[in-house]
Full PDB file with SEQRES, HELIX, SHEET, SSBOND, CRYST1, ORIGX, SCALE, CONECT and MASTER records, all heavy atoms in Angstrom:
SEQRES   1 A   45  TYR LEU ALA ASP ALA GLN GLY ASN HIS LEU ALA TRP VAL          
SEQRES   2 A   45  GLU GLN ASN ALA LEU GLU ASP GLY HIS PRO TYR ALA PRO          
SEQRES   3 A   45  HIS LEU ALA SER HIS ARG PRO ALA ARG TYR GLY THR ILE          
SEQRES   4 A   45  LYS ALA ALA ASP GLY VAL                                      
HELIX    1 AA1 ALA A   25  SER A   30  5                                   6    
SHEET    1 AA1 2 LEU A   2  ALA A   3  0                                        
SHEET    2 AA1 2 HIS A   9  ALA A  11 -1                                        
CRYST1    1.000    1.000    1.000  90.00  90.00  90.00 P 1           1          
ORIGX1      1.000000  0.000000  0.000000        0.00000                         
ORIGX2      0.000000  1.000000  0.000000        0.00000                         
ORIGX3      0.000000  0.000000  1.000000        0.00000                         
SCALE1      1.000000  0.000000  0.000000        0.00000                         
SCALE2      0.000000  1.000000  0.000000        0.00000                         
SCALE3      0.000000  0.000000  1.000000        0.00000                         
ATOM      1  N   TYR A   1     212.741 145.483  85.022  1.00  0.00           N  
ATOM      2  CA  TYR A   1     212.271 146.298  86.134  1.00  0.00           C  
ATOM      3  C   TYR A   1     210.857 146.793  85.873  1.00  0.00           C  
ATOM      4  O   TYR A   1     210.402 146.874  84.723  1.00  0.00           O  
ATOM      5  CB  TYR A   1     213.214 147.480  86.385  1.00  0.00           C  
ATOM      6  CG  TYR A   1     213.311 148.492  85.264  1.00  0.00           C  
ATOM      7  CD1 TYR A   1     212.503 149.635  85.231  1.00  0.00           C  
ATOM      8  CD2 TYR A   1     214.246 148.333  84.232  1.00  0.00           C  
ATOM      9  CE1 TYR A   1     212.608 150.573  84.214  1.00  0.00           C  
ATOM     10  CE2 TYR A   1     214.363 149.259  83.215  1.00  0.00           C  
ATOM     11  CZ  TYR A   1     213.536 150.377  83.209  1.00  0.00           C  
ATOM     12  OH  TYR A   1     213.645 151.305  82.190  1.00  0.00           O  
ATOM     13  N   LEU A   2     210.170 147.095  86.962  1.00  0.00           N  
ATOM     14  CA  LEU A   2     208.849 147.707  86.886  1.00  0.00           C  
ATOM     15  C   LEU A   2     209.001 149.216  86.831  1.00  0.00           C  
ATOM     16  O   LEU A   2     209.847 149.801  87.516  1.00  0.00           O  
ATOM     17  CB  LEU A   2     208.004 147.328  88.104  1.00  0.00           C  
ATOM     18  CG  LEU A   2     207.539 145.873  88.200  1.00  0.00           C  
ATOM     19  CD1 LEU A   2     206.839 145.640  89.536  1.00  0.00           C  
ATOM     20  CD2 LEU A   2     206.601 145.521  87.051  1.00  0.00           C  
ATOM     21  N   ALA A   3     208.159 149.855  86.019  1.00  0.00           N  
ATOM     22  CA  ALA A   3     208.166 151.313  85.906  1.00  0.00           C  
ATOM     23  C   ALA A   3     206.729 151.804  85.855  1.00  0.00           C  
ATOM     24  O   ALA A   3     205.820 151.071  85.439  1.00  0.00           O  
ATOM     25  CB  ALA A   3     208.922 151.754  84.651  1.00  0.00           C  
ATOM     26  N   ASP A   4     206.532 153.031  86.263  1.00  0.00           N  
ATOM     27  CA  ASP A   4     205.190 153.609  86.155  1.00  0.00           C  
ATOM     28  C   ASP A   4     204.962 154.127  84.743  1.00  0.00           C  
ATOM     29  O   ASP A   4     205.839 153.996  83.870  1.00  0.00           O  
ATOM     30  CB  ASP A   4     204.964 154.684  87.218  1.00  0.00           C  
ATOM     31  CG  ASP A   4     205.912 155.884  87.076  1.00  0.00           C  
ATOM     32  OD1 ASP A   4     206.473 156.094  85.970  1.00  0.00           O  
ATOM     33  OD2 ASP A   4     206.074 156.624  88.064  1.00  0.00           O  
ATOM     34  N   ALA A   5     203.812 154.724  84.519  1.00  0.00           N  
ATOM     35  CA  ALA A   5     203.442 155.161  83.167  1.00  0.00           C  
ATOM     36  C   ALA A   5     204.274 156.341  82.681  1.00  0.00           C  
ATOM     37  O   ALA A   5     204.200 156.708  81.509  1.00  0.00           O  
ATOM     38  CB  ALA A   5     201.956 155.512  83.117  1.00  0.00           C  
ATOM     39  N   GLN A   6     205.065 156.935  83.575  1.00  0.00           N  
ATOM     40  CA  GLN A   6     205.984 158.004  83.172  1.00  0.00           C  
ATOM     41  C   GLN A   6     207.391 157.467  82.914  1.00  0.00           C  
ATOM     42  O   GLN A   6     208.301 158.231  82.602  1.00  0.00           O  
ATOM     43  CB  GLN A   6     206.051 159.092  84.262  1.00  0.00           C  
ATOM     44  CG  GLN A   6     204.801 159.957  84.364  1.00  0.00           C  
ATOM     45  CD  GLN A   6     203.627 159.198  84.955  1.00  0.00           C  
ATOM     46  OE1 GLN A   6     203.753 158.528  85.982  1.00  0.00           O  
ATOM     47  NE2 GLN A   6     202.474 159.293  84.304  1.00  0.00           N  
ATOM     48  N   GLY A   7     207.554 156.172  83.090  1.00  0.00           N  
ATOM     49  CA  GLY A   7     208.851 155.551  82.859  1.00  0.00           C  
ATOM     50  C   GLY A   7     209.732 155.510  84.087  1.00  0.00           C  
ATOM     51  O   GLY A   7     210.874 155.038  84.021  1.00  0.00           O  
ATOM     52  N   ASN A   8     209.240 155.981  85.241  1.00  0.00           N  
ATOM     53  CA  ASN A   8     210.038 156.014  86.460  1.00  0.00           C  
ATOM     54  C   ASN A   8     210.230 154.601  87.024  1.00  0.00           C  
ATOM     55  O   ASN A   8     209.273 153.826  87.127  1.00  0.00           O  
ATOM     56  CB  ASN A   8     209.363 156.889  87.519  1.00  0.00           C  
ATOM     57  CG  ASN A   8     209.215 158.325  87.053  1.00  0.00           C  
ATOM     58  OD1 ASN A   8     210.162 158.909  86.531  1.00  0.00           O  
ATOM     59  ND2 ASN A   8     208.029 158.886  87.224  1.00  0.00           N  
ATOM     60  N   HIS A   9     211.448 154.310  87.395  1.00  0.00           N  
ATOM     61  CA  HIS A   9     211.791 152.998  87.933  1.00  0.00           C  
ATOM     62  C   HIS A   9     211.084 152.779  89.270  1.00  0.00           C  
ATOM     63  O   HIS A   9     211.171 153.610  90.180  1.00  0.00           O  
ATOM     64  CB  HIS A   9     213.312 152.922  88.110  1.00  0.00           C  
ATOM     65  CG  HIS A   9     213.837 151.589  88.545  1.00  0.00           C  
ATOM     66  ND1 HIS A   9     213.712 151.111  89.827  1.00  0.00           N  
ATOM     67  CD2 HIS A   9     214.508 150.624  87.859  1.00  0.00           C  
ATOM     68  CE1 HIS A   9     214.278 149.925  89.919  1.00  0.00           C  
ATOM     69  NE2 HIS A   9     214.770 149.609  88.731  1.00  0.00           N  
ATOM     70  N   LEU A  10     210.386 151.643  89.407  1.00  0.00           N  
ATOM     71  CA  LEU A  10     209.698 151.323  90.654  1.00  0.00           C  
ATOM     72  C   LEU A  10     210.428 150.238  91.438  1.00  0.00           C  
ATOM     73  O   LEU A  10     210.606 150.357  92.646  1.00  0.00           O  
ATOM     74  CB  LEU A  10     208.263 150.862  90.359  1.00  0.00           C  
ATOM     75  CG  LEU A  10     207.329 151.868  89.703  1.00  0.00           C  
ATOM     76  CD1 LEU A  10     205.984 151.226  89.393  1.00  0.00           C  
ATOM     77  CD2 LEU A  10     207.143 153.106  90.584  1.00  0.00           C  
ATOM     78  N   ALA A  11     210.810 149.160  90.761  1.00  0.00           N  
ATOM     79  CA  ALA A  11     211.479 148.058  91.450  1.00  0.00           C  
ATOM     80  C   ALA A  11     212.136 147.145  90.430  1.00  0.00           C  
ATOM     81  O   ALA A  11     211.629 146.968  89.316  1.00  0.00           O  
ATOM     82  CB  ALA A  11     210.469 147.261  92.287  1.00  0.00           C  
ATOM     83  N   TRP A  12     213.265 146.581  90.814  1.00  0.00           N  
ATOM     84  CA  TRP A  12     213.903 145.578  89.961  1.00  0.00           C  
ATOM     85  C   TRP A  12     213.119 144.275  90.022  1.00  0.00           C  
ATOM     86  O   TRP A  12     212.694 143.843  91.094  1.00  0.00           O  
ATOM     87  CB  TRP A  12     215.340 145.306  90.415  1.00  0.00           C  
ATOM     88  CG  TRP A  12     216.327 146.361  90.063  1.00  0.00           C  
ATOM     89  CD1 TRP A  12     216.960 147.219  90.918  1.00  0.00           C  
ATOM     90  CD2 TRP A  12     216.823 146.662  88.756  1.00  0.00           C  
ATOM     91  NE1 TRP A  12     217.810 148.046  90.231  1.00  0.00           N  
ATOM     92  CE2 TRP A  12     217.751 147.725  88.895  1.00  0.00           C  
ATOM     93  CE3 TRP A  12     216.563 146.153  87.487  1.00  0.00           C  
ATOM     94  CZ2 TRP A  12     218.424 148.276  87.811  1.00  0.00           C  
ATOM     95  CZ3 TRP A  12     217.234 146.700  86.401  1.00  0.00           C  
ATOM     96  CH2 TRP A  12     218.148 147.745  86.562  1.00  0.00           C  
ATOM     97  N   VAL A  13     212.940 143.663  88.879  1.00  0.00           N  
ATOM     98  CA  VAL A  13     212.434 142.302  88.813  1.00  0.00           C  
ATOM     99  C   VAL A  13     213.617 141.337  88.737  1.00  0.00           C  
ATOM    100  O   VAL A  13     213.696 140.359  89.475  1.00  0.00           O  
ATOM    101  CB  VAL A  13     211.494 142.121  87.604  1.00  0.00           C  
ATOM    102  CG1 VAL A  13     211.065 140.666  87.465  1.00  0.00           C  
ATOM    103  CG2 VAL A  13     210.282 143.028  87.740  1.00  0.00           C  
ATOM    104  N   GLU A  14     214.546 141.607  87.832  1.00  0.00           N  
ATOM    105  CA  GLU A  14     215.822 140.895  87.757  1.00  0.00           C  
ATOM    106  C   GLU A  14     216.896 141.923  87.451  1.00  0.00           C  
ATOM    107  O   GLU A  14     217.024 142.384  86.321  1.00  0.00           O  
ATOM    108  CB  GLU A  14     215.808 139.814  86.660  1.00  0.00           C  
ATOM    109  CG  GLU A  14     214.948 138.603  86.945  1.00  0.00           C  
ATOM    110  CD  GLU A  14     215.526 137.684  88.004  1.00  0.00           C  
ATOM    111  OE1 GLU A  14     216.629 137.985  88.526  1.00  0.00           O  
ATOM    112  OE2 GLU A  14     214.872 136.679  88.311  1.00  0.00           O  
ATOM    113  N   GLN A  15     217.678 142.316  88.453  1.00  0.00           N  
ATOM    114  CA  GLN A  15     218.745 143.287  88.199  1.00  0.00           C  
ATOM    115  C   GLN A  15     219.877 142.651  87.416  1.00  0.00           C  
ATOM    116  O   GLN A  15     220.518 143.295  86.595  1.00  0.00           O  
ATOM    117  CB  GLN A  15     219.263 143.876  89.506  1.00  0.00           C  
ATOM    118  CG  GLN A  15     220.218 145.048  89.292  1.00  0.00           C  
ATOM    119  CD  GLN A  15     220.541 145.773  90.572  1.00  0.00           C  
ATOM    120  OE1 GLN A  15     220.138 145.364  91.658  1.00  0.00           O  
ATOM    121  NE2 GLN A  15     221.266 146.873  90.468  1.00  0.00           N  
ATOM    122  N   ASN A  16     220.137 141.376  87.698  1.00  0.00           N  
ATOM    123  CA  ASN A  16     221.100 140.607  86.909  1.00  0.00           C  
ATOM    124  C   ASN A  16     222.440 141.315  86.781  1.00  0.00           C  
ATOM    125  O   ASN A  16     223.058 141.334  85.708  1.00  0.00           O  
ATOM    126  CB  ASN A  16     220.520 140.314  85.519  1.00  0.00           C  
ATOM    127  CG  ASN A  16     221.120 139.077  84.883  1.00  0.00           C  
ATOM    128  OD1 ASN A  16     221.707 138.237  85.555  1.00  0.00           O  
ATOM    129  ND2 ASN A  16     220.986 138.964  83.577  1.00  0.00           N  
ATOM    130  N   ALA A  17     222.896 141.933  87.869  1.00  0.00           N  
ATOM    131  CA  ALA A  17     224.143 142.701  87.849  1.00  0.00           C  
ATOM    132  C   ALA A  17     225.332 141.760  87.693  1.00  0.00           C  
ATOM    133  O   ALA A  17     225.387 140.681  88.301  1.00  0.00           O  
ATOM    134  CB  ALA A  17     224.268 143.512  89.130  1.00  0.00           C  
ATOM    135  N   LEU A  18     226.292 142.177  86.907  1.00  0.00           N  
ATOM    136  CA  LEU A  18     227.499 141.382  86.686  1.00  0.00           C  
ATOM    137  C   LEU A  18     228.481 141.629  87.828  1.00  0.00           C  
ATOM    138  O   LEU A  18     229.478 142.337  87.685  1.00  0.00           O  
ATOM    139  CB  LEU A  18     228.122 141.737  85.335  1.00  0.00           C  
ATOM    140  CG  LEU A  18     227.347 141.261  84.107  1.00  0.00           C  
ATOM    141  CD1 LEU A  18     228.001 141.772  82.830  1.00  0.00           C  
ATOM    142  CD2 LEU A  18     227.243 139.750  84.084  1.00  0.00           C  
ATOM    143  N   GLU A  19     228.180 141.047  88.955  1.00  0.00           N  
ATOM    144  CA  GLU A  19     229.010 141.195  90.146  1.00  0.00           C  
ATOM    145  C   GLU A  19     229.368 139.812  90.658  1.00  0.00           C  
ATOM    146  O   GLU A  19     228.959 138.794  90.094  1.00  0.00           O  
ATOM    147  CB  GLU A  19     228.256 141.999  91.210  1.00  0.00           C  
ATOM    148  CG  GLU A  19     226.899 141.422  91.551  1.00  0.00           C  
ATOM    149  CD  GLU A  19     226.040 142.356  92.380  1.00  0.00           C  
ATOM    150  OE1 GLU A  19     226.313 143.577  92.401  1.00  0.00           O  
ATOM    151  OE2 GLU A  19     225.096 141.864  93.014  1.00  0.00           O  
ATOM    152  N   ASP A  20     230.145 139.772  91.750  1.00  0.00           N  
ATOM    153  CA  ASP A  20     230.542 138.482  92.312  1.00  0.00           C  
ATOM    154  C   ASP A  20     229.316 137.603  92.537  1.00  0.00           C  
ATOM    155  O   ASP A  20     228.307 138.051  93.083  1.00  0.00           O  
ATOM    156  CB  ASP A  20     231.276 138.690  93.636  1.00  0.00           C  
ATOM    157  CG  ASP A  20     232.661 139.288  93.431  1.00  0.00           C  
ATOM    158  OD1 ASP A  20     233.127 139.276  92.278  1.00  0.00           O  
ATOM    159  OD2 ASP A  20     233.261 139.768  94.407  1.00  0.00           O  
ATOM    160  N   GLY A  21     229.402 136.361  92.132  1.00  0.00           N  
ATOM    161  CA  GLY A  21     228.286 135.445  92.274  1.00  0.00           C  
ATOM    162  C   GLY A  21     227.493 135.255  90.998  1.00  0.00           C  
ATOM    163  O   GLY A  21     226.775 134.257  90.864  1.00  0.00           O  
ATOM    164  N   HIS A  22     227.593 136.204  90.063  1.00  0.00           N  
ATOM    165  CA  HIS A  22     226.917 136.023  88.779  1.00  0.00           C  
ATOM    166  C   HIS A  22     227.656 134.955  87.981  1.00  0.00           C  
ATOM    167  O   HIS A  22     228.891 134.912  87.973  1.00  0.00           O  
ATOM    168  CB  HIS A  22     226.886 137.340  87.996  1.00  0.00           C  
ATOM    169  CG  HIS A  22     225.984 137.306  86.803  1.00  0.00           C  
ATOM    170  ND1 HIS A  22     226.325 136.670  85.629  1.00  0.00           N  
ATOM    171  CD2 HIS A  22     224.735 137.832  86.599  1.00  0.00           C  
ATOM    172  CE1 HIS A  22     225.336 136.810  84.757  1.00  0.00           C  
ATOM    173  NE2 HIS A  22     224.364 137.507  85.318  1.00  0.00           N  
ATOM    174  N   PRO A  23     226.929 134.065  87.283  1.00  0.00           N  
ATOM    175  CA  PRO A  23     227.607 132.995  86.547  1.00  0.00           C  
ATOM    176  C   PRO A  23     228.635 133.483  85.529  1.00  0.00           C  
ATOM    177  O   PRO A  23     229.607 132.774  85.233  1.00  0.00           O  
ATOM    178  CB  PRO A  23     226.449 132.260  85.854  1.00  0.00           C  
ATOM    179  CG  PRO A  23     225.246 132.564  86.683  1.00  0.00           C  
ATOM    180  CD  PRO A  23     225.455 133.946  87.219  1.00  0.00           C  
ATOM    181  N   TYR A  24     228.427 134.704  85.009  1.00  0.00           N  
ATOM    182  CA  TYR A  24     229.355 135.212  83.993  1.00  0.00           C  
ATOM    183  C   TYR A  24     230.528 135.969  84.610  1.00  0.00           C  
ATOM    184  O   TYR A  24     231.497 136.272  83.916  1.00  0.00           O  
ATOM    185  CB  TYR A  24     228.603 136.111  83.022  1.00  0.00           C  
ATOM    186  CG  TYR A  24     229.365 136.454  81.757  1.00  0.00           C  
ATOM    187  CD1 TYR A  24     229.710 135.455  80.843  1.00  0.00           C  
ATOM    188  CD2 TYR A  24     229.748 137.760  81.468  1.00  0.00           C  
ATOM    189  CE1 TYR A  24     230.410 135.756  79.680  1.00  0.00           C  
ATOM    190  CE2 TYR A  24     230.445 138.072  80.305  1.00  0.00           C  
ATOM    191  CZ  TYR A  24     230.776 137.065  79.416  1.00  0.00           C  
ATOM    192  OH  TYR A  24     231.464 137.358  78.266  1.00  0.00           O  
ATOM    193  N   ALA A  25     230.466 136.254  85.900  1.00  0.00           N  
ATOM    194  CA  ALA A  25     231.494 137.075  86.544  1.00  0.00           C  
ATOM    195  C   ALA A  25     232.909 136.528  86.341  1.00  0.00           C  
ATOM    196  O   ALA A  25     233.837 137.314  86.087  1.00  0.00           O  
ATOM    197  CB  ALA A  25     231.176 137.228  88.032  1.00  0.00           C  
ATOM    198  N   PRO A  26     233.127 135.216  86.434  1.00  0.00           N  
ATOM    199  CA  PRO A  26     234.498 134.730  86.235  1.00  0.00           C  
ATOM    200  C   PRO A  26     235.062 134.989  84.843  1.00  0.00           C  
ATOM    201  O   PRO A  26     236.276 134.868  84.645  1.00  0.00           O  
ATOM    202  CB  PRO A  26     234.363 133.209  86.490  1.00  0.00           C  
ATOM    203  CG  PRO A  26     233.136 133.060  87.326  1.00  0.00           C  
ATOM    204  CD  PRO A  26     232.213 134.130  86.835  1.00  0.00           C  
ATOM    205  N   HIS A  27     234.203 135.342  83.898  1.00  0.00           N  
ATOM    206  CA  HIS A  27     234.654 135.523  82.519  1.00  0.00           C  
ATOM    207  C   HIS A  27     234.694 136.998  82.102  1.00  0.00           C  
ATOM    208  O   HIS A  27     234.984 137.303  80.947  1.00  0.00           O  
ATOM    209  CB  HIS A  27     233.742 134.738  81.579  1.00  0.00           C  
ATOM    210  CG  HIS A  27     233.577 133.309  81.971  1.00  0.00           C  
ATOM    211  ND1 HIS A  27     234.555 132.356  81.781  1.00  0.00           N  
ATOM    212  CD2 HIS A  27     232.548 132.663  82.595  1.00  0.00           C  
ATOM    213  CE1 HIS A  27     234.133 131.190  82.250  1.00  0.00           C  
ATOM    214  NE2 HIS A  27     232.929 131.347  82.742  1.00  0.00           N  
ATOM    215  N   LEU A  28     234.396 137.886  83.049  1.00  0.00           N  
ATOM    216  CA  LEU A  28     234.343 139.308  82.702  1.00  0.00           C  
ATOM    217  C   LEU A  28     235.691 139.846  82.242  1.00  0.00           C  
ATOM    218  O   LEU A  28     235.752 140.704  81.360  1.00  0.00           O  
ATOM    219  CB  LEU A  28     233.847 140.123  83.899  1.00  0.00           C  
ATOM    220  CG  LEU A  28     232.336 140.191  84.093  1.00  0.00           C  
ATOM    221  CD1 LEU A  28     232.005 140.928  85.387  1.00  0.00           C  
ATOM    222  CD2 LEU A  28     231.673 140.885  82.910  1.00  0.00           C  
ATOM    223  N   ALA A  29     236.757 139.359  82.839  1.00  0.00           N  
ATOM    224  CA  ALA A  29     238.074 139.892  82.499  1.00  0.00           C  
ATOM    225  C   ALA A  29     238.421 139.678  81.033  1.00  0.00           C  
ATOM    226  O   ALA A  29     239.177 140.462  80.445  1.00  0.00           O  
ATOM    227  CB  ALA A  29     239.136 139.258  83.391  1.00  0.00           C  
ATOM    228  N   SER A  30     237.871 138.624  80.438  1.00  0.00           N  
ATOM    229  CA  SER A  30     238.172 138.357  79.027  1.00  0.00           C  
ATOM    230  C   SER A  30     237.035 138.770  78.097  1.00  0.00           C  
ATOM    231  O   SER A  30     237.103 138.508  76.895  1.00  0.00           O  
ATOM    232  CB  SER A  30     238.478 136.868  78.830  1.00  0.00           C  
ATOM    233  OG  SER A  30     237.334 136.084  79.116  1.00  0.00           O  
ATOM    234  N   HIS A  31     235.986 139.390  78.663  1.00  0.00           N  
ATOM    235  CA  HIS A  31     234.852 139.811  77.818  1.00  0.00           C  
ATOM    236  C   HIS A  31     235.315 140.865  76.826  1.00  0.00           C  
ATOM    237  O   HIS A  31     235.957 141.857  77.190  1.00  0.00           O  
ATOM    238  CB  HIS A  31     233.734 140.380  78.690  1.00  0.00           C  
ATOM    239  CG  HIS A  31     232.540 140.831  77.906  1.00  0.00           C  
ATOM    240  ND1 HIS A  31     231.541 139.979  77.516  1.00  0.00           N  
ATOM    241  CD2 HIS A  31     232.193 142.059  77.413  1.00  0.00           C  
ATOM    242  CE1 HIS A  31     230.624 140.639  76.847  1.00  0.00           C  
ATOM    243  NE2 HIS A  31     230.998 141.906  76.763  1.00  0.00           N  
ATOM    244  N   ARG A  32     234.970 140.679  75.577  1.00  0.00           N  
ATOM    245  CA  ARG A  32     235.394 141.601  74.523  1.00  0.00           C  
ATOM    246  C   ARG A  32     234.210 142.446  74.066  1.00  0.00           C  
ATOM    247  O   ARG A  32     233.112 141.923  73.824  1.00  0.00           O  
ATOM    248  CB  ARG A  32     235.960 140.816  73.340  1.00  0.00           C  
ATOM    249  CG  ARG A  32     237.165 139.967  73.701  1.00  0.00           C  
ATOM    250  CD  ARG A  32     238.345 140.833  74.067  1.00  0.00           C  
ATOM    251  NE  ARG A  32     238.769 141.629  72.936  1.00  0.00           N  
ATOM    252  CZ  ARG A  32     239.464 142.769  73.017  1.00  0.00           C  
ATOM    253  NH1 ARG A  32     239.766 143.275  74.198  1.00  0.00           N  
ATOM    254  NH2 ARG A  32     239.820 143.405  71.936  1.00  0.00           N  
ATOM    255  N   PRO A  33     234.383 143.751  73.941  1.00  0.00           N  
ATOM    256  CA  PRO A  33     233.283 144.629  73.534  1.00  0.00           C  
ATOM    257  C   PRO A  33     232.963 144.490  72.055  1.00  0.00           C  
ATOM    258  O   PRO A  33     233.809 144.083  71.252  1.00  0.00           O  
ATOM    259  CB  PRO A  33     233.827 146.031  73.840  1.00  0.00           C  
ATOM    260  CG  PRO A  33     235.310 145.885  73.682  1.00  0.00           C  
ATOM    261  CD  PRO A  33     235.642 144.498  74.179  1.00  0.00           C  
ATOM    262  N   ALA A  34     231.742 144.823  71.703  1.00  0.00           N  
ATOM    263  CA  ALA A  34     231.334 144.842  70.295  1.00  0.00           C  
ATOM    264  C   ALA A  34     231.600 146.214  69.713  1.00  0.00           C  
ATOM    265  O   ALA A  34     231.590 147.228  70.415  1.00  0.00           O  
ATOM    266  CB  ALA A  34     229.853 144.506  70.170  1.00  0.00           C  
ATOM    267  N   ARG A  35     231.850 146.238  68.451  1.00  0.00           N  
ATOM    268  CA  ARG A  35     231.946 147.508  67.722  1.00  0.00           C  
ATOM    269  C   ARG A  35     230.997 147.423  66.535  1.00  0.00           C  
ATOM    270  O   ARG A  35     230.794 146.357  65.954  1.00  0.00           O  
ATOM    271  CB  ARG A  35     233.380 147.798  67.278  1.00  0.00           C  
ATOM    272  CG  ARG A  35     233.996 146.693  66.442  1.00  0.00           C  
ATOM    273  CD  ARG A  35     235.507 146.676  66.556  1.00  0.00           C  
ATOM    274  NE  ARG A  35     235.919 146.245  67.876  1.00  0.00           N  
ATOM    275  CZ  ARG A  35     236.655 147.013  68.684  1.00  0.00           C  
ATOM    276  NH1 ARG A  35     237.050 148.211  68.309  1.00  0.00           N  
ATOM    277  NH2 ARG A  35     237.004 146.559  69.862  1.00  0.00           N  
ATOM    278  N   TYR A  36     230.389 148.534  66.214  1.00  0.00           N  
ATOM    279  CA  TYR A  36     229.361 148.598  65.179  1.00  0.00           C  
ATOM    280  C   TYR A  36     229.793 149.575  64.099  1.00  0.00           C  
ATOM    281  O   TYR A  36     230.492 150.550  64.352  1.00  0.00           O  
ATOM    282  CB  TYR A  36     228.030 149.052  65.780  1.00  0.00           C  
ATOM    283  CG  TYR A  36     227.526 148.173  66.895  1.00  0.00           C  
ATOM    284  CD1 TYR A  36     227.925 148.412  68.214  1.00  0.00           C  
ATOM    285  CD2 TYR A  36     226.690 147.099  66.647  1.00  0.00           C  
ATOM    286  CE1 TYR A  36     227.483 147.603  69.254  1.00  0.00           C  
ATOM    287  CE2 TYR A  36     226.243 146.285  67.674  1.00  0.00           C  
ATOM    288  CZ  TYR A  36     226.645 146.534  68.975  1.00  0.00           C  
ATOM    289  OH  TYR A  36     226.209 145.730  69.992  1.00  0.00           O  
ATOM    290  N   GLY A  37     229.342 149.307  62.887  1.00  0.00           N  
ATOM    291  CA  GLY A  37     229.660 150.203  61.789  1.00  0.00           C  
ATOM    292  C   GLY A  37     228.754 149.946  60.609  1.00  0.00           C  
ATOM    293  O   GLY A  37     227.818 149.137  60.685  1.00  0.00           O  
ATOM    294  N   THR A  38     229.026 150.637  59.512  1.00  0.00           N  
ATOM    295  CA  THR A  38     228.237 150.447  58.299  1.00  0.00           C  
ATOM    296  C   THR A  38     229.151 150.270  57.100  1.00  0.00           C  
ATOM    297  O   THR A  38     230.281 150.771  57.075  1.00  0.00           O  
ATOM    298  CB  THR A  38     227.300 151.644  58.026  1.00  0.00           C  
ATOM    299  OG1 THR A  38     228.088 152.839  57.833  1.00  0.00           O  
ATOM    300  CG2 THR A  38     226.328 151.853  59.169  1.00  0.00           C  
ATOM    301  N   ILE A  39     228.651 149.537  56.131  1.00  0.00           N  
ATOM    302  CA  ILE A  39     229.244 149.499  54.803  1.00  0.00           C  
ATOM    303  C   ILE A  39     228.115 149.771  53.814  1.00  0.00           C  
ATOM    304  O   ILE A  39     226.939 149.743  54.182  1.00  0.00           O  
ATOM    305  CB  ILE A  39     229.915 148.148  54.492  1.00  0.00           C  
ATOM    306  CG1 ILE A  39     228.861 147.035  54.470  1.00  0.00           C  
ATOM    307  CG2 ILE A  39     231.026 147.850  55.490  1.00  0.00           C  
ATOM    308  CD1 ILE A  39     229.385 145.707  53.975  1.00  0.00           C  
ATOM    309  N   LYS A  40     228.460 150.019  52.582  1.00  0.00           N  
ATOM    310  CA  LYS A  40     227.447 150.189  51.547  1.00  0.00           C  
ATOM    311  C   LYS A  40     227.033 148.827  50.988  1.00  0.00           C  
ATOM    312  O   LYS A  40     227.853 147.932  50.832  1.00  0.00           O  
ATOM    313  CB  LYS A  40     227.969 151.070  50.406  1.00  0.00           C  
ATOM    314  CG  LYS A  40     228.186 152.526  50.803  1.00  0.00           C  
ATOM    315  CD  LYS A  40     226.885 153.193  51.255  1.00  0.00           C  
ATOM    316  CE  LYS A  40     227.108 154.644  51.636  1.00  0.00           C  
ATOM    317  NZ  LYS A  40     225.871 155.268  52.194  1.00  0.00           N  
ATOM    318  N   ALA A  41     225.754 148.702  50.728  1.00  0.00           N  
ATOM    319  CA  ALA A  41     225.244 147.486  50.109  1.00  0.00           C  
ATOM    320  C   ALA A  41     225.763 147.370  48.685  1.00  0.00           C  
ATOM    321  O   ALA A  41     226.420 148.281  48.157  1.00  0.00           O  
ATOM    322  CB  ALA A  41     223.711 147.507  50.118  1.00  0.00           C  
ATOM    323  N   ALA A  42     225.450 146.263  48.056  1.00  0.00           N  
ATOM    324  CA  ALA A  42     225.893 146.050  46.682  1.00  0.00           C  
ATOM    325  C   ALA A  42     225.333 147.093  45.725  1.00  0.00           C  
ATOM    326  O   ALA A  42     225.868 147.287  44.632  1.00  0.00           O  
ATOM    327  CB  ALA A  42     225.506 144.651  46.218  1.00  0.00           C  
ATOM    328  N   ASP A  43     224.238 147.790  46.143  1.00  0.00           N  
ATOM    329  CA  ASP A  43     223.703 148.838  45.273  1.00  0.00           C  
ATOM    330  C   ASP A  43     224.497 150.128  45.366  1.00  0.00           C  
ATOM    331  O   ASP A  43     224.226 151.092  44.641  1.00  0.00           O  
ATOM    332  CB  ASP A  43     222.227 149.105  45.594  1.00  0.00           C  
ATOM    333  CG  ASP A  43     221.997 149.637  47.009  1.00  0.00           C  
ATOM    334  OD1 ASP A  43     222.981 149.886  47.742  1.00  0.00           O  
ATOM    335  OD2 ASP A  43     220.820 149.798  47.392  1.00  0.00           O  
ATOM    336  N   GLY A  44     225.498 150.191  46.269  1.00  0.00           N  
ATOM    337  CA  GLY A  44     226.336 151.367  46.410  1.00  0.00           C  
ATOM    338  C   GLY A  44     225.684 152.521  47.134  1.00  0.00           C  
ATOM    339  O   GLY A  44     226.298 153.575  47.300  1.00  0.00           O  
ATOM    340  N   VAL A  45     224.452 152.341  47.579  1.00  0.00           N  
ATOM    341  CA  VAL A  45     223.690 153.441  48.190  1.00  0.00           C  
ATOM    342  C   VAL A  45     223.262 153.116  49.614  1.00  0.00           C  
ATOM    343  O   VAL A  45     223.432 153.919  50.534  1.00  0.00           O  
ATOM    344  CB  VAL A  45     222.440 153.773  47.337  1.00  0.00           C  
ATOM    345  CG1 VAL A  45     221.598 154.848  48.007  1.00  0.00           C  
ATOM    346  CG2 VAL A  45     222.853 154.197  45.934  1.00  0.00           C  
TER     347      VAL A  45                                                      
MASTER        0    0    0    1    2    0    0    6  346    1    0    4          
END                                                                             
């Protein structure tokens, strides 16, 4: 999207909304979310 110098939204360039007609829409029902986390590196820190 286009925004002004204050970050205000001016216009969509590609909204790419996941709605009917989007190529990925038929697969949304099986879309699996990501989960994020941390472990300690081999240095233990």
